[in-house]
Amino acid sequence: MNTTTPQPVTLTPQQKDRFITGWAVAGLLALLPIVVLSWVVVLSGERGTMCLMYGEQCSAIPGSAPYGAFWLALSAGLAALVWPRARRTCARLWAVFLQWSAQLTLGAMILSGA
């Protein structure tokens, strides 16, 4: 019986770059569906309808916060895509993390109220 211990998997720099690029592209492709589906859910409820039709029971979130989160997610995703591949992989990774954090926060802001 061969009882060798498994060795940890190490990724090559090219594999790391593809991984980061894949998550950046996935985030950019998911940004608009997240926004649209969040609004559909909000507007299908009673609170969202009241806000849309009568301006009552609307969210207390400032109007510029969702726009800021949208543009932050978009710009961080694009920055991760255009960043030079061979340098500063850690910075690209943080840009993708910031992108996903901003767009999930945007979805949560939309879902929290109209």
Protein backbone atom coordinates (compact mmCIF):
# COMPACT_ATOMS: atom_id res chain seq x y z
CA MET A 1 0.00 0.00 0.00
CA ASN A 2 1.37 3.40 -0.97
CA THR A 3 0.85 5.89 1.86
CA THR A 4 2.18 9.14 0.48
CA THR A 5 0.77 12.32 1.85
CA PRO A 6 -0.99 14.54 -0.66
CA GLN A 7 0.94 17.59 -1.68
CA PRO A 8 -0.73 21.02 -1.65
CA VAL A 9 -1.81 22.35 -5.00
CA THR A 10 0.14 25.36 -6.19
CA LEU A 11 -1.14 27.52 -8.99
CA THR A 12 1.04 28.93 -11.70
CA PRO A 13 0.91 32.69 -12.32
CA GLN A 14 -1.06 32.07 -15.53
CA GLN A 15 -3.66 30.04 -13.65
CA LYS A 16 -3.97 32.79 -11.03
CA ASP A 17 -4.47 35.38 -13.77
CA ARG A 18 -7.16 33.29 -15.45
CA PHE A 19 -8.89 32.77 -12.12
CA ILE A 20 -8.96 36.50 -11.36
CA THR A 21 -10.00 37.40 -14.90
CA GLY A 22 -12.80 34.83 -14.78
CA TRP A 23 -14.24 36.27 -11.58
CA ALA A 24 -13.95 39.83 -12.93
CA VAL A 25 -15.79 38.91 -16.13
CA ALA A 26 -18.42 36.95 -14.18
CA GLY A 27 -18.99 39.97 -11.95
CA LEU A 28 -19.37 42.33 -14.88
CA LEU A 29 -21.81 39.97 -16.59
CA ALA A 30 -23.81 39.56 -13.37
CA LEU A 31 -24.02 43.26 -12.50
CA LEU A 32 -27.03 44.22 -14.61
CA PRO A 33 -29.01 41.03 -13.88
CA ILE A 34 -28.48 41.61 -10.15
CA VAL A 35 -29.83 45.15 -10.45
CA VAL A 36 -32.78 44.23 -12.67
CA LEU A 37 -33.82 41.19 -10.65
CA SER A 38 -33.52 43.12 -7.39
CA TRP A 39 -35.80 45.84 -8.74
CA VAL A 40 -38.30 43.26 -10.01
CA VAL A 41 -38.47 41.71 -6.54
CA VAL A 42 -38.87 45.09 -4.84
CA LEU A 43 -41.49 46.39 -7.24
CA SER A 44 -43.51 43.21 -7.07
CA GLY A 45 -44.10 43.76 -3.36
CA GLU A 46 -46.58 46.09 -1.69
CA ARG A 47 -43.94 48.41 -0.26
CA GLY A 48 -42.23 48.90 -3.64
CA THR A 49 -45.56 49.55 -5.34
CA MET A 50 -46.54 52.13 -2.71
CA CYS A 51 -43.21 53.89 -3.15
CA LEU A 52 -43.44 53.89 -6.93
CA MET A 53 -47.07 55.02 -7.16
CA TYR A 54 -47.51 57.32 -4.15
CA GLY A 55 -44.01 58.06 -2.87
CA GLU A 56 -44.85 56.45 0.48
CA GLN A 57 -42.86 53.88 2.47
CA CYS A 58 -39.75 54.49 0.40
CA SER A 59 -36.27 53.48 1.51
CA ALA A 60 -34.22 55.74 3.74
CA ILE A 61 -31.05 54.96 1.76
CA PRO A 62 -29.69 58.13 0.12
CA GLY A 63 -30.28 58.17 -3.62
CA SER A 64 -26.59 58.51 -4.46
CA ALA A 65 -25.53 55.35 -2.54
CA PRO A 66 -26.86 52.79 -5.06
CA TYR A 67 -25.42 54.78 -7.96
CA GLY A 68 -22.06 54.94 -6.20
CA ALA A 69 -22.08 51.20 -5.56
CA PHE A 70 -22.98 50.51 -9.19
CA TRP A 71 -20.19 52.68 -10.57
CA LEU A 72 -17.71 51.32 -8.02
CA ALA A 73 -18.52 47.73 -9.03
CA LEU A 74 -18.25 48.58 -12.72
CA SER A 75 -14.98 50.50 -12.41
CA ALA A 76 -13.35 47.92 -10.11
CA GLY A 77 -14.27 45.12 -12.51
CA LEU A 78 -12.90 47.00 -15.50
CA ALA A 79 -9.75 47.89 -13.55
CA ALA A 80 -9.19 44.21 -12.77
CA LEU A 81 -9.53 43.37 -16.45
CA VAL A 82 -7.19 46.04 -17.82
CA TRP A 83 -4.58 45.76 -15.06
CA PRO A 84 -1.27 44.36 -16.40
CA ARG A 85 -1.31 40.60 -15.92
CA ALA A 86 2.31 40.04 -14.94
CA ARG A 87 2.43 42.66 -12.19
CA ARG A 88 0.62 43.13 -8.92
CA THR A 89 -1.68 40.11 -9.00
CA CYS A 90 -2.66 40.96 -5.44
CA ALA A 91 -4.00 44.35 -6.55
CA ARG A 92 -6.11 42.68 -9.25
CA LEU A 93 -7.46 40.26 -6.67
CA TRP A 94 -8.43 43.12 -4.37
CA ALA A 95 -10.12 44.91 -7.28
CA VAL A 96 -12.26 41.82 -7.94
CA PHE A 97 -13.06 41.54 -4.23
CA LEU A 98 -14.09 45.21 -4.20
CA GLN A 99 -16.16 44.67 -7.35
CA TRP A 100 -18.14 41.76 -5.89
CA SER A 101 -18.54 43.51 -2.52
CA ALA A 102 -19.93 46.62 -4.19
CA GLN A 103 -22.38 44.78 -6.42
CA LEU A 104 -23.67 42.54 -3.63
CA THR A 105 -24.06 45.63 -1.45
CA LEU A 106 -25.94 47.29 -4.31
CA GLY A 107 -28.32 44.34 -4.54
CA ALA A 108 -28.86 44.43 -0.79
CA MET A 109 -29.56 48.18 -0.88
CA ILE A 110 -32.14 47.73 -3.62
CA LEU A 111 -33.78 44.80 -1.84
CA SER A 112 -33.91 46.66 1.48
CA GLY A 113 -36.41 49.13 0.08
CA ALA A 114 -37.68 50.88 -2.99
